[in-house]
Protein backbone atom coordinates (compact mmCIF):
# COMPACT_ATOMS: atom_id res chain seq x y z
CA MET A 1 105.26 110.73 102.52
CA GLY A 2 107.28 113.15 100.43
CA LEU A 3 110.23 112.83 102.77
CA VAL A 4 110.11 109.03 102.60
CA ALA A 5 109.74 109.19 98.81
CA ARG A 6 112.86 111.35 98.48
CA SER A 7 114.84 108.84 100.58
CA ALA A 8 113.59 105.93 98.48
CA GLU A 9 114.50 107.80 95.28
CA ALA A 10 117.99 108.46 96.65
CA ALA A 11 118.31 104.67 97.04
CA GLY A 12 117.31 104.21 93.38
CA ILE A 13 113.65 103.28 93.94
CA PRO A 14 111.24 105.34 91.80
CA THR A 15 108.29 106.71 93.76
CA LEU A 16 104.97 108.42 93.18
CA CYS A 17 102.92 109.94 95.99
CA LEU A 18 99.15 109.97 95.67
CA ALA A 19 97.97 113.09 97.48
CA SER A 20 94.78 114.93 98.39
CA ALA A 21 96.36 117.88 100.22
CA LEU A 22 98.02 119.93 97.49
CA ASP A 23 99.62 122.57 99.73
CA ILE A 24 101.19 119.94 102.00
CA THR A 25 102.36 117.91 99.01
CA ARG A 26 104.06 120.92 97.48
CA ALA A 27 105.63 121.80 100.86
CA VAL A 28 107.28 118.38 101.28
CA ASN A 29 108.24 118.31 97.58
CA PRO A 30 108.11 114.61 96.72
CA PRO A 31 109.93 113.55 93.54
CA ARG A 32 106.58 112.90 91.83
CA ALA A 33 102.99 113.22 92.98
CA ALA A 34 99.51 112.72 91.58
CA PHE A 35 96.95 115.03 93.19
CA LEU A 36 93.32 114.05 93.61
CA ASP A 37 90.92 116.69 94.94
CA PHE A 38 89.08 114.26 97.22
CA PRO A 39 88.52 114.40 100.98
CA LEU A 40 91.46 113.42 103.17
CA GLY A 41 91.60 109.70 103.66
CA HIS A 42 90.01 108.98 100.30
CA THR A 43 93.02 109.61 98.10
CA ALA A 44 92.64 106.42 96.07
CA GLY A 45 88.92 106.88 95.46
CA LYS A 46 85.52 106.48 97.00
CA PRO A 47 84.89 103.63 99.48
CA GLY A 48 83.13 100.68 97.93
CA ASP A 49 83.97 101.73 94.36
CA PRO A 50 86.83 99.42 93.34
CA GLU A 51 86.39 100.23 89.63
CA LEU A 52 87.02 103.93 90.26
CA GLN A 53 89.89 103.08 92.63
CA ARG A 54 91.59 100.92 89.99
CA THR A 55 91.09 103.65 87.37
CA ILE A 56 92.59 106.30 89.65
CA LEU A 57 95.58 104.11 90.53
CA ALA A 58 96.22 103.19 86.89
CA ASP A 59 96.01 106.84 85.88
CA ALA A 60 98.32 107.88 88.71
CA LEU A 61 100.87 105.18 87.85
CA SER A 62 100.81 106.21 84.20
CA SER A 63 102.28 109.50 85.41
CA PHE A 64 105.68 107.82 85.62
CA ALA A 65 105.87 108.03 81.84
CA SER A 66 105.45 111.81 81.72
CA MET A 67 106.95 113.14 84.97
CA ALA A 68 110.61 113.84 84.30
CA ALA A 69 111.23 116.96 86.39
CA PRO A 70 111.69 116.48 90.15
CA GLY A 71 108.83 117.86 92.20
CA THR A 72 106.24 117.48 89.45
CA VAL A 73 102.63 117.28 90.63
CA ARG A 74 99.99 116.01 88.21
CA ALA A 75 96.37 116.87 88.96
CA LEU A 76 94.09 113.93 88.23
CA PRO A 77 90.75 114.83 86.59
CA TYR A 78 88.36 112.98 88.92
CA ARG A 79 85.67 114.72 90.97
CA TRP A 80 84.28 113.66 94.33
CA SER A 81 80.85 115.04 93.44
CA GLU A 82 79.09 117.25 90.90
CA ASP A 83 79.53 120.29 93.14
CA GLU A 84 82.05 121.43 95.75
CA ASP A 85 79.68 121.21 98.75
CA TRP A 86 81.71 118.37 100.28
CA LYS A 87 84.55 120.82 100.95
CA ALA A 88 82.39 123.14 103.06
CA LYS A 89 81.03 120.13 104.95
CA ALA A 90 84.55 118.78 105.57
CA PHE A 91 85.69 122.11 107.01
CA ALA A 92 82.55 122.63 109.10
CA GLU A 93 82.17 119.10 110.46
CA GLY A 94 85.79 118.01 110.59
CA ASP A 95 87.25 114.60 109.98
CA ASP A 96 84.61 111.88 109.74
CA ARG A 97 86.88 109.04 108.65
CA THR A 98 86.77 105.71 110.42
CA ALA A 99 89.11 105.58 113.39
CA ARG A 100 92.47 103.92 112.72
CA VAL A 101 93.10 100.50 114.17
CA ASP A 102 96.14 98.22 114.35
CA THR A 103 94.65 95.46 112.20
CA PRO A 104 94.26 95.50 108.41
CA GLN A 105 90.88 96.67 107.10
CA TYR A 106 89.40 95.35 103.85
CA GLN A 107 86.56 96.54 101.65
CA THR A 108 85.23 93.02 101.17
CA GLU A 109 85.72 89.55 102.58
CA GLU A 110 87.14 88.50 99.21
CA ASP A 111 89.80 91.26 99.48
CA ARG A 112 90.75 89.93 102.93
CA ARG A 113 91.11 86.36 101.67
CA LYS A 114 93.22 87.43 98.72
CA ALA A 115 95.49 89.63 100.85
CA GLU A 116 95.98 87.05 103.58
CA GLY A 117 96.55 84.29 101.05
CA ASN A 118 99.28 86.20 99.23
CA SER A 119 101.34 87.47 102.16
CA PRO A 120 104.73 85.82 102.43
CA PRO A 121 105.25 84.70 106.03
CA SER A 122 108.75 86.20 106.18
CA CYS A 123 107.83 89.62 104.77
CA PRO A 124 109.07 92.24 107.26
CA VAL A 125 106.38 94.71 106.15
CA CYS A 126 103.60 92.20 106.76
CA ARG A 127 104.59 91.42 110.34
């Protein structure tokens, strides 16, 4: 995403990458990034916890106000759990995320209705 973010910035579109792999984020050097030490695939928060997800996104977006230097990475203060045991499990057991599919996935039926009701029919991204 850092490469895409740099291209968007070159076109005058401000970007912020939300990342959970700090070494990779630093390697691709996005213009701005917010780092969350959560398992891969859970960068915006824990599944089924929309309050935490909104808080994380709001905190990440507030980074625009303080990140002036290119390549700045801000570590967000949230923790996946009280201890770091999840990291050992992730390395030992591998990736346990849900398999990717070609159709949109929603946390709730209400989220699906809202998303499908607000999509402009001519939006090239939504096709």
